[in-house]
């Protein structure tokens, strides 16, 4: 009886550890993206306290005080950045807010709301929120506003605003 229980438990726990087909890529070198709603995930640098101390709140302040509500932002365009030392990003390395995965242009008023959702969710350094979150959708299919680590920027962000 004990042996059959051990075998059953071993088989069950192995099944829990095996990835499902949804977690596997055709090419093992390609990461599978999972659709996440609002979250505080990002680069490994997001967890390094010396780098991103309160980056989300600093970016929120730059955005709320520095962008026009009618200004339109495109996919991949940096909106605001902070360097790892807390100043505006002038050269390389820091944290930026930007849109990704969207074909729509998003106005500054919506950006201000969205960055607030990331901060209010408890994100300290990095995070993302679906662009339709303000309409009650937590589905990222139409794109997301993201705060994440960047190594370089083609458009230096003086005083935080890009």
Protein backbone atom coordinates (compact mmCIF):
# COMPACT_ATOMS: atom_id res chain seq x y z
CA UNK A 1 0.00 0.00 0.00
CA UNK A 2 2.80 2.44 0.89
CA UNK A 3 4.68 1.67 -2.32
CA UNK A 4 1.64 2.38 -4.50
CA UNK A 5 1.05 5.65 -2.63
CA UNK A 6 4.66 6.69 -3.18
CA UNK A 7 4.49 5.81 -6.88
CA UNK A 8 1.20 7.71 -7.27
CA UNK A 9 2.62 10.74 -5.47
CA UNK A 10 5.82 10.67 -7.57
CA UNK A 11 3.85 10.48 -10.81
CA UNK A 12 1.54 13.30 -9.69
CA UNK A 13 4.39 15.60 -8.64
CA UNK A 14 6.27 14.92 -11.89
CA UNK A 15 3.17 15.87 -13.84
CA UNK A 16 3.03 19.15 -11.95
CA UNK A 17 6.62 19.95 -12.88
CA UNK A 18 6.29 19.19 -16.58
CA UNK A 19 5.66 22.18 -18.84
CA UNK A 20 2.47 22.24 -20.83
CA UNK A 21 2.50 22.68 -24.59
CA UNK A 22 1.42 26.29 -24.01
CA UNK A 23 4.72 26.90 -22.21
CA UNK A 24 6.91 25.53 -24.98
CA UNK A 25 8.27 27.26 -28.05
CA UNK A 26 9.01 25.62 -31.38
CA UNK A 27 12.53 26.98 -31.02
CA UNK A 28 13.95 26.44 -27.52
CA UNK A 29 15.97 29.64 -27.84
CA UNK A 30 12.76 31.64 -28.20
CA UNK A 31 10.98 32.63 -25.04
CA UNK A 32 7.27 32.07 -24.89
CA UNK A 33 5.44 35.22 -23.93
CA UNK A 34 2.53 34.85 -21.60
CA UNK A 35 -0.29 37.34 -21.65
CA UNK A 36 -0.08 39.23 -18.39
CA UNK A 37 -2.43 41.91 -17.22
CA UNK A 38 -1.21 44.63 -14.90
CA UNK A 39 2.01 43.47 -13.26
CA UNK A 40 5.30 44.57 -11.70
CA UNK A 41 7.61 42.45 -13.83
CA UNK A 42 10.57 43.51 -15.90
CA UNK A 43 14.30 43.13 -16.38
CA UNK A 44 16.49 41.56 -13.70
CA UNK A 45 17.73 45.12 -13.07
CA UNK A 46 14.28 45.97 -11.71
CA UNK A 47 15.17 43.95 -8.61
CA UNK A 48 18.55 45.62 -8.00
CA UNK A 49 17.89 48.17 -5.23
CA UNK A 50 20.86 50.35 -6.09
CA UNK A 51 19.55 50.89 -9.61
CA UNK A 52 15.87 51.65 -9.60
CA UNK A 53 14.89 53.06 -6.23
CA UNK A 54 11.32 54.33 -6.71
CA UNK A 55 11.75 54.64 -10.48
CA UNK A 56 8.00 54.16 -11.05
CA UNK A 57 7.04 57.10 -8.82
CA UNK A 58 9.78 59.29 -10.30
CA UNK A 59 8.57 58.50 -13.82
CA UNK A 60 4.98 59.17 -12.76
CA UNK A 61 6.01 62.62 -11.48
CA UNK A 62 7.86 63.42 -14.72
CA UNK A 63 4.89 62.28 -16.80
CA UNK A 64 2.20 63.99 -14.73
CA UNK A 65 4.10 67.28 -14.60
CA UNK A 66 5.80 67.24 -17.98
CA UNK A 67 3.75 65.80 -20.81
CA UNK A 68 0.82 67.43 -22.57
CA UNK A 69 -2.48 65.55 -22.46
CA UNK A 70 -2.92 66.00 -26.21
CA UNK A 71 0.59 64.79 -27.13
CA UNK A 72 0.42 61.46 -29.00
CA UNK A 73 2.84 58.58 -28.33
CA UNK A 74 3.63 55.69 -30.66
CA UNK A 75 4.63 52.09 -30.07
CA UNK A 76 8.21 51.84 -28.78
CA UNK A 77 8.64 55.57 -28.26
CA UNK A 78 10.24 56.51 -24.93
CA UNK A 79 7.91 58.78 -22.96
CA UNK A 80 10.05 59.50 -19.90
CA UNK A 81 13.24 58.05 -18.44
CA UNK A 82 15.27 58.19 -15.26
CA UNK A 83 18.89 57.20 -14.95
CA UNK A 84 20.01 54.68 -12.41
CA UNK A 85 21.15 57.53 -10.18
CA UNK A 86 17.75 59.22 -10.27
CA UNK A 87 18.38 62.01 -12.78
CA UNK A 88 16.93 62.32 -16.26
CA UNK A 89 18.45 59.84 -18.68
CA UNK A 90 21.13 61.65 -20.67
CA UNK A 91 23.36 58.88 -21.94
CA UNK A 92 23.15 55.14 -21.29
CA UNK A 93 21.26 53.00 -18.83
CA UNK A 94 18.18 53.64 -16.76
CA UNK A 95 14.45 53.00 -16.62
CA UNK A 96 11.95 54.27 -19.19
CA UNK A 97 8.21 54.33 -19.70
CA UNK A 98 7.18 53.33 -23.22
CA UNK A 99 4.38 51.68 -25.18
CA UNK A 100 4.77 48.22 -26.66
CA UNK A 101 2.67 45.77 -28.61
CA UNK A 102 0.19 48.36 -29.87
CA UNK A 103 -0.75 49.62 -33.30
CA UNK A 104 -2.63 52.56 -31.79
CA UNK A 105 -1.30 55.96 -30.83
CA UNK A 106 -2.00 56.86 -27.20
CA UNK A 107 -2.50 60.43 -25.95
CA UNK A 108 -0.72 61.96 -22.97
CA UNK A 109 -3.90 62.05 -20.89
CA UNK A 110 -4.22 58.27 -21.16
CA UNK A 111 -0.50 57.83 -20.42
CA UNK A 112 -0.97 59.81 -17.18
CA UNK A 113 -3.83 57.52 -16.11
CA UNK A 114 -1.96 54.35 -17.06
CA UNK A 115 1.24 55.21 -15.18
CA UNK A 116 -0.92 55.85 -12.12
CA UNK A 117 -2.32 52.33 -12.35
CA UNK A 118 1.21 50.88 -12.34
CA UNK A 119 2.21 52.87 -9.24
CA UNK A 120 -1.09 52.17 -7.45
CA UNK A 121 -0.64 48.46 -8.18
CA UNK A 122 2.41 48.61 -5.92
CA UNK A 123 5.11 48.58 -8.58
CA UNK A 124 8.25 50.29 -7.28
CA UNK A 125 10.64 50.05 -10.23
CA UNK A 126 9.21 48.21 -13.25
CA UNK A 127 5.75 47.19 -14.40
CA UNK A 128 3.21 47.10 -17.20
CA UNK A 129 -0.46 47.85 -17.64
CA UNK A 130 -2.73 47.08 -20.63
CA UNK A 131 -3.64 50.23 -22.55
CA UNK A 132 -7.34 49.32 -22.23
CA UNK A 133 -7.10 48.97 -18.43
CA UNK A 134 -8.83 52.33 -17.98
CA UNK A 135 -11.80 50.85 -19.87
CA UNK A 136 -12.04 47.86 -17.52
CA UNK A 137 -9.90 45.42 -19.54
CA UNK A 138 -6.87 43.68 -18.06
CA UNK A 139 -6.08 42.04 -21.41
CA UNK A 140 -2.74 43.14 -22.92
CA UNK A 141 -3.66 42.07 -26.47
CA UNK A 142 -3.99 45.68 -27.70
CA UNK A 143 -0.71 46.79 -26.14
CA UNK A 144 0.76 47.88 -22.84
CA UNK A 145 2.43 50.83 -21.16
CA UNK A 146 5.67 49.50 -19.69
CA UNK A 147 8.31 50.73 -17.28
CA UNK A 148 11.48 48.73 -17.76
CA UNK A 149 15.26 48.92 -17.75
CA UNK A 150 16.95 50.22 -20.89
CA UNK A 151 20.61 50.22 -21.78
CA UNK A 152 20.61 53.01 -24.32
CA UNK A 153 18.26 55.48 -25.90
CA UNK A 154 18.44 57.16 -29.28
CA UNK A 155 16.51 60.13 -27.91
CA UNK A 156 18.15 61.35 -24.68
CA UNK A 157 15.54 62.30 -22.12
CA UNK A 158 16.66 65.58 -20.60
CA UNK A 159 14.89 66.33 -17.33
CA UNK A 160 13.10 63.01 -17.60
CA UNK A 161 10.79 63.77 -20.53
CA UNK A 162 11.79 62.32 -23.90
